[in-house]
Amino acid sequence: MIGLQVRYLLGGTVVVERIFGVPGIGALMVDAAFGRDYAVVQACALTFLVIVLIVNFLVDTICNALNPRAA
């Protein structure tokens, strides 16, 4: 379940950072989108993608280690 929830947590960080004014990658992405800085938006999206891929890989690896018959 953790691997599935990471996408929503990253999307939630964008909202929380904008509402509370916390500086972070989510606020940077929104500010870059409003400023039409497409390279920064792509870099932030790529960073989110890499985080999701790494977490999904770790979850799959742990699941296979705990139950080798499922692989």
Protein backbone atom coordinates (compact mmCIF):
# COMPACT_ATOMS: atom_id res chain seq x y z
CA MET A 1 0.00 0.00 0.00
CA ILE A 2 2.90 2.36 0.66
CA GLY A 3 4.04 2.20 -2.94
CA LEU A 4 0.60 3.19 -4.16
CA GLN A 5 0.27 6.11 -1.74
CA VAL A 6 3.56 7.82 -2.64
CA ARG A 7 2.01 9.50 -5.69
CA TYR A 8 -0.71 11.03 -3.58
CA LEU A 9 1.74 12.15 -0.91
CA LEU A 10 3.85 13.97 -3.50
CA GLY A 11 0.76 15.62 -4.94
CA GLY A 12 -0.26 16.60 -1.44
CA THR A 13 3.07 18.28 -0.82
CA VAL A 14 2.37 20.65 -3.70
CA VAL A 15 -0.93 21.69 -2.15
CA VAL A 16 0.41 21.97 1.41
CA GLU A 17 3.43 23.99 0.33
CA ARG A 18 1.26 26.44 -1.57
CA ILE A 19 -1.31 26.85 1.22
CA PHE A 20 1.16 27.29 4.09
CA GLY A 21 3.88 29.06 2.10
CA VAL A 22 6.51 26.45 2.84
CA PRO A 23 9.39 26.60 0.36
CA GLY A 24 9.94 23.29 -1.35
CA ILE A 25 9.92 21.50 -4.66
CA GLY A 26 6.13 21.60 -4.90
CA ALA A 27 6.00 25.37 -4.46
CA LEU A 28 8.90 25.71 -6.89
CA MET A 29 6.98 23.70 -9.47
CA VAL A 30 3.84 25.82 -9.13
CA ASP A 31 5.77 29.09 -9.26
CA ALA A 32 7.63 27.88 -12.35
CA ALA A 33 4.35 26.91 -14.02
CA PHE A 34 2.90 30.37 -13.40
CA GLY A 35 6.14 31.92 -14.64
CA ARG A 36 6.12 29.69 -17.74
CA ASP A 37 9.53 28.25 -16.90
CA TYR A 38 9.01 24.90 -18.57
CA ALA A 39 12.48 23.54 -17.87
CA VAL A 40 11.98 23.86 -14.11
CA VAL A 41 8.52 22.27 -14.32
CA GLN A 42 9.96 19.34 -16.26
CA ALA A 43 12.82 18.97 -13.76
CA CYS A 44 10.39 18.92 -10.83
CA ALA A 45 8.14 16.42 -12.57
CA LEU A 46 11.16 14.25 -13.33
CA THR A 47 12.21 14.41 -9.69
CA PHE A 48 8.75 13.31 -8.57
CA LEU A 49 8.85 10.50 -11.14
CA VAL A 50 12.23 9.26 -9.93
CA ILE A 51 11.03 9.27 -6.32
CA VAL A 52 7.94 7.23 -7.23
CA LEU A 53 10.00 4.76 -9.26
CA ILE A 54 12.54 4.28 -6.47
CA VAL A 55 9.84 3.70 -3.85
CA ASN A 56 8.00 1.24 -6.11
CA PHE A 57 11.25 -0.62 -6.79
CA LEU A 58 12.00 -0.82 -3.07
CA VAL A 59 8.50 -2.06 -2.28
CA ASP A 60 8.73 -4.75 -4.99
CA THR A 61 12.16 -5.81 -3.76
CA ILE A 62 10.97 -6.08 -0.17
CA CYS A 63 7.87 -8.04 -1.20
CA ASN A 64 9.98 -10.50 -3.18
CA ALA A 65 12.41 -10.88 -0.29
CA LEU A 66 9.59 -11.60 2.15
CA ASN A 67 7.73 -13.99 -0.16
CA PRO A 68 10.02 -15.53 -2.81
CA ARG A 69 7.23 -17.75 -4.18
CA ALA A 70 5.32 -14.69 -5.42
CA ALA A 71 8.10 -13.82 -7.90
